[in-house]
Amino acid sequence: MYRTNNCGELNSGFVDQEVKLSGWVNKIRTKGFIIWIDLRDRYGITQLVFDKERTDASVFEAANKLGREFVIEVDGKVIKRKDFNK
């Protein structure tokens, strides 16, 4: 199976669940110790987060080599976004 969910359907009801997504890399931002990737499919966009504390070193290295419009498949746990307004 190449995905369990699409990018447009993930919401707070999926927190702590394991999912598999596939799509195109829409945007990448990096700060050295953390990488944010906006993954896009035909249904929406989901933000992927790779940080050195929670991500296996080989996965972090692979994420760091991705470019825009790369097609990828990822699996991982849905985490709640921190409230940036507080």
PDB file of N, CA and C in Angstrom:
ATOM      1  N   MET A   1       0.846  -1.172   0.000  1.00  0.00           N
ATOM      2  CA  MET A   1       0.000   0.000   0.000  1.00  0.00           C
ATOM      3  C   MET A   1       0.894   1.238   0.000  1.00  0.00           C
ATOM      4  N   TYR A   2       0.641   2.163  -0.917  1.00  0.00           N
ATOM      5  CA  TYR A   2       1.498   3.335  -0.997  1.00  0.00           C
ATOM      6  C   TYR A   2       1.032   4.484  -0.109  1.00  0.00           C
ATOM      7  N   ARG A   3      -0.169   4.400   0.470  1.00  0.00           N
ATOM      8  CA  ARG A   3      -0.588   5.385   1.469  1.00  0.00           C
ATOM      9  C   ARG A   3      -1.819   4.882   2.218  1.00  0.00           C
ATOM     10  N   THR A   4      -1.928   5.323   3.466  1.00  0.00           N
ATOM     11  CA  THR A   4      -3.110   5.001   4.264  1.00  0.00           C
ATOM     12  C   THR A   4      -4.090   6.162   4.283  1.00  0.00           C
ATOM     13  N   ASN A   5      -3.582   7.364   4.042  1.00  0.00           N
ATOM     14  CA  ASN A   5      -4.394   8.581   4.090  1.00  0.00           C
ATOM     15  C   ASN A   5      -3.915   9.536   3.010  1.00  0.00           C
ATOM     16  N   ASN A   6      -4.723  10.545   2.736  1.00  0.00           N
ATOM     17  CA  ASN A   6      -4.244  11.599   1.843  1.00  0.00           C
ATOM     18  C   ASN A   6      -3.958  12.851   2.672  1.00  0.00           C
ATOM     19  N   CYS A   7      -3.231  13.771   2.081  1.00  0.00           N
ATOM     20  CA  CYS A   7      -2.790  14.963   2.819  1.00  0.00           C
ATOM     21  C   CYS A   7      -3.945  15.856   3.250  1.00  0.00           C
ATOM     22  N   GLY A   8      -5.031  15.851   2.519  1.00  0.00           N
ATOM     23  CA  GLY A   8      -6.137  16.733   2.835  1.00  0.00           C
ATOM     24  C   GLY A   8      -7.029  16.277   3.968  1.00  0.00           C
ATOM     25  N   GLU A   9      -6.896  15.027   4.405  1.00  0.00           N
ATOM     26  CA  GLU A   9      -7.824  14.541   5.423  1.00  0.00           C
ATOM     27  C   GLU A   9      -7.255  14.520   6.836  1.00  0.00           C
ATOM     28  N   LEU A  10      -5.964  14.747   7.001  1.00  0.00           N
ATOM     29  CA  LEU A  10      -5.385  14.690   8.343  1.00  0.00           C
ATOM     30  C   LEU A  10      -5.823  15.900   9.166  1.00  0.00           C
ATOM     31  N   ASN A  11      -6.218  15.631  10.413  1.00  0.00           N
ATOM     32  CA  ASN A  11      -6.636  16.688  11.341  1.00  0.00           C
ATOM     33  C   ASN A  11      -6.319  16.226  12.757  1.00  0.00           C
ATOM     34  N   SER A  12      -6.776  16.949  13.758  1.00  0.00           N
ATOM     35  CA  SER A  12      -6.445  16.625  15.154  1.00  0.00           C
ATOM     36  C   SER A  12      -6.954  15.250  15.579  1.00  0.00           C
ATOM     37  N   GLY A  13      -7.904  14.693  14.881  1.00  0.00           N
ATOM     38  CA  GLY A  13      -8.396  13.353  15.193  1.00  0.00           C
ATOM     39  C   GLY A  13      -7.394  12.254  14.883  1.00  0.00           C
ATOM     40  N   PHE A  14      -6.341  12.576  14.136  1.00  0.00           N
ATOM     41  CA  PHE A  14      -5.325  11.597  13.769  1.00  0.00           C
ATOM     42  C   PHE A  14      -4.088  11.660  14.667  1.00  0.00           C
ATOM     43  N   VAL A  15      -4.066  12.560  15.661  1.00  0.00           N
ATOM     44  CA  VAL A  15      -2.899  12.714  16.532  1.00  0.00           C
ATOM     45  C   VAL A  15      -2.553  11.381  17.187  1.00  0.00           C
ATOM     46  N   ASP A  16      -1.267  11.049  17.193  1.00  0.00           N
ATOM     47  CA  ASP A  16      -0.683   9.824  17.753  1.00  0.00           C
ATOM     48  C   ASP A  16      -0.948   8.576  16.910  1.00  0.00           C
ATOM     49  N   GLN A  17      -1.538   8.714  15.740  1.00  0.00           N
ATOM     50  CA  GLN A  17      -1.740   7.570  14.847  1.00  0.00           C
ATOM     51  C   GLN A  17      -0.605   7.497  13.832  1.00  0.00           C
ATOM     52  N   GLU A  18      -0.255   6.270  13.444  1.00  0.00           N
ATOM     53  CA  GLU A  18       0.730   6.047  12.388  1.00  0.00           C
ATOM     54  C   GLU A  18       0.023   6.134  11.044  1.00  0.00           C
ATOM     55  N   VAL A  19       0.595   6.899  10.114  1.00  0.00           N
ATOM     56  CA  VAL A  19       0.022   7.039   8.776  1.00  0.00           C
ATOM     57  C   VAL A  19       1.127   6.905   7.737  1.00  0.00           C
ATOM     58  N   LYS A  20       0.729   6.589   6.524  1.00  0.00           N
ATOM     59  CA  LYS A  20       1.639   6.565   5.385  1.00  0.00           C
ATOM     60  C   LYS A  20       1.066   7.516   4.342  1.00  0.00           C
ATOM     61  N   LEU A  21       1.902   8.454   3.879  1.00  0.00           N
ATOM     62  CA  LEU A  21       1.489   9.448   2.892  1.00  0.00           C
ATOM     63  C   LEU A  21       2.404   9.383   1.680  1.00  0.00           C
ATOM     64  N   SER A  22       1.904   9.825   0.557  1.00  0.00           N
ATOM     65  CA  SER A  22       2.743   9.962  -0.629  1.00  0.00           C
ATOM     66  C   SER A  22       2.314  11.213  -1.373  1.00  0.00           C
ATOM     67  N   GLY A  23       3.265  11.819  -2.062  1.00  0.00           N
ATOM     68  CA  GLY A  23       2.961  13.031  -2.807  1.00  0.00           C
ATOM     69  C   GLY A  23       4.227  13.714  -3.279  1.00  0.00           C
ATOM     70  N   TRP A  24       4.082  14.984  -3.633  1.00  0.00           N
ATOM     71  CA  TRP A  24       5.175  15.787  -4.150  1.00  0.00           C
ATOM     72  C   TRP A  24       5.687  16.724  -3.067  1.00  0.00           C
ATOM     73  N   VAL A  25       7.001  16.928  -3.030  1.00  0.00           N
ATOM     74  CA  VAL A  25       7.589  17.911  -2.126  1.00  0.00           C
ATOM     75  C   VAL A  25       7.246  19.291  -2.679  1.00  0.00           C
ATOM     76  N   ASN A  26       6.478  20.047  -1.921  1.00  0.00           N
ATOM     77  CA  ASN A  26       6.034  21.366  -2.369  1.00  0.00           C
ATOM     78  C   ASN A  26       6.994  22.468  -1.922  1.00  0.00           C
ATOM     79  N   LYS A  27       7.467  22.373  -0.677  1.00  0.00           N
ATOM     80  CA  LYS A  27       8.345  23.402  -0.115  1.00  0.00           C
ATOM     81  C   LYS A  27       9.209  22.772   0.963  1.00  0.00           C
ATOM     82  N   ILE A  28      10.445  23.243   1.084  1.00  0.00           N
ATOM     83  CA  ILE A  28      11.376  22.736   2.100  1.00  0.00           C
ATOM     84  C   ILE A  28      11.971  23.924   2.851  1.00  0.00           C
ATOM     85  N   ARG A  29      12.015  23.795   4.191  1.00  0.00           N
ATOM     86  CA  ARG A  29      12.687  24.780   5.034  1.00  0.00           C
ATOM     87  C   ARG A  29      13.573  24.012   6.008  1.00  0.00           C
ATOM     88  N   THR A  30      14.770  24.509   6.251  1.00  0.00           N
ATOM     89  CA  THR A  30      15.687  23.811   7.150  1.00  0.00           C
ATOM     90  C   THR A  30      16.407  24.804   8.055  1.00  0.00           C
ATOM     91  N   LYS A  31      16.707  24.334   9.269  1.00  0.00           N
ATOM     92  CA  LYS A  31      17.479  25.129  10.230  1.00  0.00           C
ATOM     93  C   LYS A  31      18.697  24.353  10.708  1.00  0.00           C
ATOM     94  N   GLY A  32      19.113  23.339   9.982  1.00  0.00           N
ATOM     95  CA  GLY A  32      20.264  22.540  10.370  1.00  0.00           C
ATOM     96  C   GLY A  32      19.889  21.348  11.225  1.00  0.00           C
ATOM     97  N   PHE A  33      19.179  21.568  12.318  1.00  0.00           N
ATOM     98  CA  PHE A  33      18.782  20.487  13.212  1.00  0.00           C
ATOM     99  C   PHE A  33      17.328  20.062  13.001  1.00  0.00           C
ATOM    100  N   ILE A  34      16.602  20.794  12.152  1.00  0.00           N
ATOM    101  CA  ILE A  34      15.207  20.461  11.874  1.00  0.00           C
ATOM    102  C   ILE A  34      14.888  20.795  10.413  1.00  0.00           C
ATOM    103  N   ILE A  35      14.065  19.939   9.798  1.00  0.00           N
ATOM    104  CA  ILE A  35      13.651  20.130   8.406  1.00  0.00           C
ATOM    105  C   ILE A  35      12.131  20.078   8.363  1.00  0.00           C
ATOM    106  N   TRP A  36      11.534  21.073   7.717  1.00  0.00           N
ATOM    107  CA  TRP A  36      10.086  21.077   7.482  1.00  0.00           C
ATOM    108  C   TRP A  36       9.859  20.875   5.994  1.00  0.00           C
ATOM    109  N   ILE A  37       9.001  19.936   5.653  1.00  0.00           N
ATOM    110  CA  ILE A  37       8.656  19.692   4.253  1.00  0.00           C
ATOM    111  C   ILE A  37       7.145  19.759   4.114  1.00  0.00           C
ATOM    112  N   ASP A  38       6.677  20.569   3.178  1.00  0.00           N
ATOM    113  CA  ASP A  38       5.257  20.597   2.836  1.00  0.00           C
ATOM    114  C   ASP A  38       5.036  19.557   1.745  1.00  0.00           C
ATOM    115  N   LEU A  39       4.311  18.498   2.089  1.00  0.00           N
ATOM    116  CA  LEU A  39       4.010  17.418   1.154  1.00  0.00           C
ATOM    117  C   LEU A  39       2.645  17.677   0.542  1.00  0.00           C
ATOM    118  N   ARG A  40       2.565  17.637  -0.792  1.00  0.00           N
ATOM    119  CA  ARG A  40       1.333  17.963  -1.504  1.00  0.00           C
ATOM    120  C   ARG A  40       0.838  16.754  -2.291  1.00  0.00           C
ATOM    121  N   ASP A  41      -0.453  16.492  -2.192  1.00  0.00           N
ATOM    122  CA  ASP A  41      -1.099  15.555  -3.105  1.00  0.00           C
ATOM    123  C   ASP A  41      -2.326  16.257  -3.676  1.00  0.00           C
ATOM    124  N   ARG A  42      -3.143  15.554  -4.416  1.00  0.00           N
ATOM    125  CA  ARG A  42      -4.279  16.219  -5.072  1.00  0.00           C
ATOM    126  C   ARG A  42      -5.353  16.684  -4.089  1.00  0.00           C
ATOM    127  N   TYR A  43      -5.233  16.257  -2.817  1.00  0.00           N
ATOM    128  CA  TYR A  43      -6.251  16.569  -1.820  1.00  0.00           C
ATOM    129  C   TYR A  43      -5.861  17.681  -0.860  1.00  0.00           C
ATOM    130  N   GLY A  44      -4.578  18.016  -0.777  1.00  0.00           N
ATOM    131  CA  GLY A  44      -4.159  19.045   0.161  1.00  0.00           C
ATOM    132  C   GLY A  44      -2.666  19.016   0.434  1.00  0.00           C
ATOM    133  N   ILE A  45      -2.261  19.693   1.500  1.00  0.00           N
ATOM    134  CA  ILE A  45      -0.856  19.788   1.902  1.00  0.00           C
ATOM    135  C   ILE A  45      -0.738  19.416   3.372  1.00  0.00           C
ATOM    136  N   THR A  46       0.269  18.612   3.688  1.00  0.00           N
ATOM    137  CA  THR A  46       0.580  18.239   5.065  1.00  0.00           C
ATOM    138  C   THR A  46       2.033  18.592   5.341  1.00  0.00           C
ATOM    139  N   GLN A  47       2.295  19.159   6.515  1.00  0.00           N
ATOM    140  CA  GLN A  47       3.661  19.496   6.886  1.00  0.00           C
ATOM    141  C   GLN A  47       4.335  18.298   7.547  1.00  0.00           C
ATOM    142  N   LEU A  48       5.495  17.922   7.019  1.00  0.00           N
ATOM    143  CA  LEU A  48       6.321  16.869   7.613  1.00  0.00           C
ATOM    144  C   LEU A  48       7.422  17.540   8.421  1.00  0.00           C
ATOM    145  N   VAL A  49       7.767  16.951   9.565  1.00  0.00           N
ATOM    146  CA  VAL A  49       8.819  17.500  10.417  1.00  0.00           C
ATOM    147  C   VAL A  49       9.845  16.408  10.674  1.00  0.00           C
ATOM    148  N   PHE A  50      11.104  16.719  10.365  1.00  0.00           N
ATOM    149  CA  PHE A  50      12.219  15.818  10.645  1.00  0.00           C
ATOM    150  C   PHE A  50      13.163  16.567  11.571  1.00  0.00           C
ATOM    151  N   ASP A  51      13.319  16.092  12.812  1.00  0.00           N
ATOM    152  CA  ASP A  51      14.285  16.726  13.705  1.00  0.00           C
ATOM    153  C   ASP A  51      15.279  15.686  14.182  1.00  0.00           C
ATOM    154  N   LYS A  52      16.467  16.149  14.514  1.00  0.00           N
ATOM    155  CA  LYS A  52      17.552  15.234  14.867  1.00  0.00           C
ATOM    156  C   LYS A  52      17.273  14.447  16.139  1.00  0.00           C
ATOM    157  N   GLU A  53      16.417  14.955  17.032  1.00  0.00           N
ATOM    158  CA  GLU A  53      16.109  14.246  18.275  1.00  0.00           C
ATOM    159  C   GLU A  53      15.216  13.035  18.050  1.00  0.00           C
ATOM    160  N   ARG A  54      14.222  13.155  17.165  1.00  0.00           N
ATOM    161  CA  ARG A  54      13.228  12.091  16.986  1.00  0.00           C
ATOM    162  C   ARG A  54      13.377  11.304  15.696  1.00  0.00           C
ATOM    163  N   THR A  55      14.272  11.709  14.814  1.00  0.00           N
ATOM    164  CA  THR A  55      14.390  11.094  13.497  1.00  0.00           C
ATOM    165  C   THR A  55      15.683  10.306  13.393  1.00  0.00           C
ATOM    166  N   ASP A  56      15.594   9.100  12.854  1.00  0.00           N
ATOM    167  CA  ASP A  56      16.776   8.279  12.600  1.00  0.00           C
ATOM    168  C   ASP A  56      17.744   9.058  11.703  1.00  0.00           C
ATOM    169  N   ALA A  57      19.044   8.932  11.961  1.00  0.00           N
ATOM    170  CA  ALA A  57      20.052   9.715  11.233  1.00  0.00           C
ATOM    171  C   ALA A  57      19.986   9.494   9.725  1.00  0.00           C
ATOM    172  N   SER A  58      19.759   8.260   9.288  1.00  0.00           N
ATOM    173  CA  SER A  58      19.706   7.989   7.846  1.00  0.00           C
ATOM    174  C   SER A  58      18.470   8.622   7.204  1.00  0.00           C
ATOM    175  N   VAL A  59      17.365   8.659   7.932  1.00  0.00           N
ATOM    176  CA  VAL A  59      16.139   9.290   7.422  1.00  0.00           C
ATOM    177  C   VAL A  59      16.331  10.802   7.359  1.00  0.00           C
ATOM    178  N   PHE A  60      16.958  11.373   8.389  1.00  0.00           N
ATOM    179  CA  PHE A  60      17.216  12.815   8.402  1.00  0.00           C
ATOM    180  C   PHE A  60      18.105  13.207   7.226  1.00  0.00           C
ATOM    181  N   GLU A  61      19.131  12.408   6.973  1.00  0.00           N
ATOM    182  CA  GLU A  61      20.041  12.675   5.852  1.00  0.00           C
ATOM    183  C   GLU A  61      19.304  12.592   4.513  1.00  0.00           C
ATOM    184  N   ALA A  62      18.443  11.586   4.366  1.00  0.00           N
ATOM    185  CA  ALA A  62      17.665  11.440   3.125  1.00  0.00           C
ATOM    186  C   ALA A  62      16.723  12.627   2.936  1.00  0.00           C
ATOM    187  N   ALA A  63      16.070  13.068   4.012  1.00  0.00           N
ATOM    188  CA  ALA A  63      15.159  14.215   3.928  1.00  0.00           C
ATOM    189  C   ALA A  63      15.915  15.477   3.534  1.00  0.00           C
ATOM    190  N   ASN A  64      17.145  15.590   4.000  1.00  0.00           N
ATOM    191  CA  ASN A  64      17.962  16.764   3.704  1.00  0.00           C
ATOM    192  C   ASN A  64      18.378  16.826   2.237  1.00  0.00           C
ATOM    193  N   LYS A  65      18.309  15.710   1.526  1.00  0.00           N
ATOM    194  CA  LYS A  65      18.701  15.656   0.112  1.00  0.00           C
ATOM    195  C   LYS A  65      17.524  15.851  -0.841  1.00  0.00           C
ATOM    196  N   LEU A  66      16.315  15.979  -0.307  1.00  0.00           N
ATOM    197  CA  LEU A  66      15.139  16.127  -1.166  1.00  0.00           C
ATOM    198  C   LEU A  66      15.077  17.513  -1.793  1.00  0.00           C
ATOM    199  N   GLY A  67      14.434  17.575  -2.946  1.00  0.00           N
ATOM    200  CA  GLY A  67      14.244  18.845  -3.640  1.00  0.00           C
ATOM    201  C   GLY A  67      12.782  19.045  -4.000  1.00  0.00           C
ATOM    202  N   ARG A  68      12.451  20.235  -4.469  1.00  0.00           N
ATOM    203  CA  ARG A  68      11.072  20.534  -4.865  1.00  0.00           C
ATOM    204  C   ARG A  68      10.635  19.600  -5.983  1.00  0.00           C
ATOM    205  N   GLU A  69       9.390  19.167  -5.878  1.00  0.00           N
ATOM    206  CA  GLU A  69       8.723  18.298  -6.847  1.00  0.00           C
ATOM    207  C   GLU A  69       9.223  16.856  -6.828  1.00  0.00           C
ATOM    208  N   PHE A  70      10.094  16.493  -5.870  1.00  0.00           N
ATOM    209  CA  PHE A  70      10.427  15.082  -5.695  1.00  0.00           C
ATOM    210  C   PHE A  70       9.152  14.363  -5.274  1.00  0.00           C
ATOM    211  N   VAL A  71       8.958  13.150  -5.751  1.00  0.00           N
ATOM    212  CA  VAL A  71       7.819  12.325  -5.338  1.00  0.00           C
ATOM    213  C   VAL A  71       8.316  11.389  -4.247  1.00  0.00           C
ATOM    214  N   ILE A  72       7.644  11.417  -3.083  1.00  0.00           N
ATOM    215  CA  ILE A  72       8.103  10.615  -1.949  1.00  0.00           C
ATOM    216  C   ILE A  72       6.938   9.888  -1.290  1.00  0.00           C
ATOM    217  N   GLU A  73       7.305   8.877  -0.527  1.00  0.00           N
ATOM    218  CA  GLU A  73       6.369   8.142   0.324  1.00  0.00           C
ATOM    219  C   GLU A  73       6.974   8.149   1.723  1.00  0.00           C
ATOM    220  N   VAL A  74       6.193   8.541   2.715  1.00  0.00           N
ATOM    221  CA  VAL A  74       6.692   8.611   4.091  1.00  0.00           C
ATOM    222  C   VAL A  74       5.701   7.944   5.029  1.00  0.00           C
ATOM    223  N   ASP A  75       6.228   7.416   6.120  1.00  0.00           N
ATOM    224  CA  ASP A  75       5.338   6.934   7.169  1.00  0.00           C
ATOM    225  C   ASP A  75       5.851   7.461   8.496  1.00  0.00           C
ATOM    226  N   GLY A  76       4.905   7.735   9.387  1.00  0.00           N
ATOM    227  CA  GLY A  76       5.264   8.287  10.682  1.00  0.00           C
ATOM    228  C   GLY A  76       4.035   8.577  11.511  1.00  0.00           C
ATOM    229  N   LYS A  77       4.287   9.151  12.672  1.00  0.00           N
ATOM    230  CA  LYS A  77       3.219   9.446  13.623  1.00  0.00           C
ATOM    231  C   LYS A  77       2.762  10.895  13.467  1.00  0.00           C
ATOM    232  N   VAL A  78       1.457  11.091  13.509  1.00  0.00           N
ATOM    233  CA  VAL A  78       0.886  12.436  13.449  1.00  0.00           C
ATOM    234  C   VAL A  78       1.073  13.088  14.818  1.00  0.00           C
ATOM    235  N   ILE A  79       1.653  14.282  14.819  1.00  0.00           N
ATOM    236  CA  ILE A  79       1.838  15.021  16.066  1.00  0.00           C
ATOM    237  C   ILE A  79       1.043  16.321  15.996  1.00  0.00           C
ATOM    238  N   LYS A  80       0.675  16.815  17.157  1.00  0.00           N
ATOM    239  CA  LYS A  80      -0.090  18.064  17.218  1.00  0.00           C
ATOM    240  C   LYS A  80       0.851  19.243  17.033  1.00  0.00           C
ATOM    241  N   ARG A  81       0.444  20.160  16.219  1.00  0.00           N
ATOM    242  CA  ARG A  81       1.212  21.376  15.993  1.00  0.00           C
ATOM    243  C   ARG A  81       1.173  22.236  17.251  1.00  0.00           C
ATOM    244  N   LYS A  82       2.326  22.796  17.615  1.00  0.00           N
ATOM    245  CA  LYS A  82       2.366  23.698  18.763  1.00  0.00           C
ATOM    246  C   LYS A  82       1.575  24.953  18.437  1.00  0.00           C
ATOM    247  N   ASP A  83       0.890  25.469  19.432  1.00  0.00           N
ATOM    248  CA  ASP A  83       0.118  26.695  19.246  1.00  0.00           C
ATOM    249  C   ASP A  83       1.081  27.876  19.239  1.00  0.00           C
ATOM    250  N   PHE A  84       1.321  28.431  18.069  1.00  0.00           N
ATOM    251  CA  PHE A  84       2.293  29.514  17.949  1.00  0.00           C
ATOM    252  C   PHE A  84       1.749  30.855  18.411  1.00  0.00           C
ATOM    253  N   ASN A  85       0.492  30.922  18.789  1.00  0.00           N
ATOM    254  CA  ASN A  85      -0.094  32.177  19.259  1.00  0.00           C
ATOM    255  C   ASN A  85       0.072  32.388  20.758  1.00  0.00           C
ATOM    256  N   LYS A  86       0.583  31.411  21.477  1.00  0.00           N
ATOM    257  CA  LYS A  86       0.732  31.534  22.931  1.00  0.00           C
ATOM    258  C   LYS A  86       2.125  31.945  23.299  1.00  0.00           C
TER     259      LYS A  86
END
